[in-house]
Amino acid sequence: MKFKYTILLFAWFISSSLSHASDLDSLAELIQKGRETEAIAKINRYIQKYPNDPEVKFIYGAALDHFGRTQEAEKVFLHLNRKYPNNPAIKNNLGVIYTKLSQYAKARIYFESALRLKSDYHEARSNLGYIQKLDRVYLTSK
């Protein structure tokens, strides 16, 4: 199952808020090519320059998860969730992270929370459906 990240926001964030930073022009390409060390270094340089930029921290968390550093990504998204509790994209990504960590009850809470904030959030609805399917399979296997 491929989870519906809000990772599509990667390109939007990079093109809208980060395009003015010349050292980040190739960030999306680095991430897509799997060049973790370079991508994370560029993101960290941007965070040092602009420590209060929530978009780059979102990208940082998504990049960490993309590169298999899911538990580190969890910490980033939990921090973002505390600072921006009304952002459904952050909650959806937390749900995806908890699904990957097989913490389905937590995942459900975050997907449902994202949907309470934005009822037409397709990715969160799809992800919640996946969790509900897992629940049905588990209950019928007992």
Protein backbone atom coordinates (compact mmCIF):
# COMPACT_ATOMS: atom_id res chain seq x y z
CA MET A 1 0.00 0.00 0.00
CA LYS A 2 1.42 3.33 -0.99
CA PHE A 3 0.30 5.92 1.50
CA LYS A 4 -1.05 9.24 0.38
CA TYR A 5 1.46 11.68 1.75
CA THR A 6 1.06 15.32 1.52
CA ILE A 7 4.48 15.05 -0.01
CA LEU A 8 3.08 16.53 -3.20
CA LEU A 9 3.46 19.75 -1.30
CA PHE A 10 7.22 19.27 -1.64
CA ALA A 11 7.25 20.79 -5.10
CA TRP A 12 4.85 23.55 -4.16
CA PHE A 13 6.78 24.52 -1.03
CA ILE A 14 10.07 24.44 -2.85
CA SER A 15 8.85 26.47 -5.79
CA SER A 16 6.90 29.00 -3.75
CA SER A 17 8.75 29.74 -0.56
CA LEU A 18 12.21 28.40 -1.15
CA SER A 19 12.88 29.46 -4.71
CA HIS A 20 14.48 32.66 -3.49
CA ALA A 21 17.22 30.66 -1.77
CA SER A 22 19.76 29.85 -4.46
CA ASP A 23 21.34 27.05 -2.43
CA LEU A 24 18.03 25.14 -2.47
CA ASP A 25 17.23 25.31 -6.19
CA SER A 26 18.11 21.67 -6.72
CA LEU A 27 16.55 20.30 -3.52
CA ALA A 28 13.64 18.52 -5.19
CA GLU A 29 16.03 16.91 -7.66
CA LEU A 30 18.34 15.75 -4.87
CA ILE A 31 15.42 14.20 -2.99
CA GLN A 32 14.08 12.49 -6.10
CA LYS A 33 17.52 11.10 -6.95
CA GLY A 34 17.94 9.76 -3.41
CA ARG A 35 20.89 11.95 -2.56
CA GLU A 36 20.10 12.04 1.13
CA THR A 37 23.26 13.58 2.54
CA GLU A 38 23.21 16.51 0.14
CA ALA A 39 19.46 17.11 0.44
CA ILE A 40 19.45 17.05 4.23
CA ALA A 41 22.52 19.31 4.35
CA LYS A 42 20.77 21.87 2.12
CA ILE A 43 17.63 21.76 4.25
CA ASN A 44 19.69 22.17 7.43
CA ARG A 45 21.46 25.20 5.98
CA TYR A 46 18.09 26.76 5.20
CA ILE A 47 16.81 25.97 8.71
CA GLN A 48 19.87 27.70 10.17
CA LYS A 49 19.17 30.79 8.07
CA TYR A 50 15.40 30.79 8.69
CA PRO A 51 14.73 28.83 11.90
CA ASN A 52 11.05 29.82 12.09
CA ASP A 53 10.05 28.76 8.59
CA PRO A 54 7.41 26.03 9.05
CA GLU A 55 7.42 25.04 5.38
CA VAL A 56 11.07 24.05 5.34
CA LYS A 57 10.58 22.09 8.56
CA PHE A 58 7.68 20.30 6.88
CA ILE A 59 9.99 19.48 3.96
CA TYR A 60 12.65 18.35 6.41
CA GLY A 61 10.25 15.92 8.09
CA ALA A 62 8.99 14.60 4.77
CA ALA A 63 12.55 14.20 3.46
CA LEU A 64 13.59 12.31 6.59
CA ASP A 65 10.68 9.94 6.14
CA HIS A 66 11.37 9.63 2.41
CA PHE A 67 14.91 8.52 3.24
CA GLY A 68 13.68 5.94 5.76
CA ARG A 69 14.38 7.99 8.87
CA THR A 70 10.79 7.67 10.01
CA GLN A 71 11.34 8.05 13.75
CA GLU A 72 13.26 11.29 13.20
CA ALA A 73 10.47 12.48 10.91
CA GLU A 74 7.96 11.68 13.65
CA LYS A 75 9.72 14.12 16.00
CA VAL A 76 9.72 16.87 13.38
CA PHE A 77 6.01 16.44 12.62
CA LEU A 78 5.07 16.23 16.31
CA HIS A 79 6.88 19.54 16.85
CA LEU A 80 5.06 21.07 13.86
CA ASN A 81 1.75 19.70 15.13
CA ARG A 82 2.27 21.41 18.49
CA LYS A 83 3.04 24.72 16.77
CA TYR A 84 0.34 24.43 14.09
CA PRO A 85 -2.47 22.27 15.54
CA ASN A 86 -4.95 23.28 12.83
CA ASN A 87 -2.90 22.07 9.87
CA PRO A 88 -4.46 18.93 8.36
CA ALA A 89 -1.40 18.15 6.19
CA ILE A 90 0.77 17.79 9.27
CA LYS A 91 -1.79 15.49 10.86
CA ASN A 92 -2.06 13.39 7.70
CA ASN A 93 1.70 12.95 7.56
CA LEU A 94 1.77 11.96 11.22
CA GLY A 95 -0.89 9.37 10.44
CA VAL A 96 1.25 8.00 7.60
CA ILE A 97 4.28 7.85 9.87
CA TYR A 98 2.34 5.96 12.55
CA THR A 99 1.00 3.58 9.94
CA LYS A 100 4.55 2.87 8.80
CA LEU A 101 5.50 2.27 12.44
CA SER A 102 2.53 -0.15 12.79
CA GLN A 103 0.93 2.13 15.39
CA TYR A 104 -2.49 1.99 13.78
CA ALA A 105 -4.50 3.45 16.67
CA LYS A 106 -2.35 6.60 16.61
CA ALA A 107 -2.56 6.72 12.82
CA ARG A 108 -6.35 6.58 12.97
CA ILE A 109 -6.45 9.46 15.45
CA TYR A 110 -4.36 11.68 13.17
CA PHE A 111 -6.26 10.81 9.98
CA GLU A 112 -9.57 11.48 11.72
CA SER A 113 -8.21 14.71 13.12
CA ALA A 114 -7.10 15.84 9.65
CA LEU A 115 -10.59 15.10 8.34
CA ARG A 116 -12.23 17.07 11.14
CA LEU A 117 -10.15 20.05 10.06
CA LYS A 118 -10.74 19.51 6.34
CA SER A 119 -13.60 17.15 5.55
CA ASP A 120 -12.78 16.96 1.84
CA TYR A 121 -9.13 15.98 2.40
CA HIS A 122 -8.88 13.10 -0.06
CA GLU A 123 -5.47 11.77 1.05
CA ALA A 124 -6.49 11.59 4.71
CA ARG A 125 -9.78 9.89 3.79
CA SER A 126 -7.96 7.33 1.66
CA ASN A 127 -5.42 6.67 4.41
CA LEU A 128 -8.16 6.29 7.02
CA GLY A 129 -9.86 3.81 4.71
CA TYR A 130 -6.68 1.76 4.66
CA ILE A 131 -6.57 1.71 8.47
CA GLN A 132 -10.24 0.70 8.60
CA LYS A 133 -9.51 -2.12 6.16
CA LEU A 134 -6.70 -3.33 8.42
CA ASP A 135 -9.11 -3.25 11.37
CA ARG A 136 -11.65 -5.38 9.47
CA VAL A 137 -8.99 -7.92 8.47
CA TYR A 138 -7.76 -8.13 12.06
CA LEU A 139 -11.27 -8.57 13.48
CA THR A 140 -12.22 -11.28 11.00
CA SER A 141 -9.00 -13.21 11.63
CA LYS A 142 -9.76 -13.65 15.35
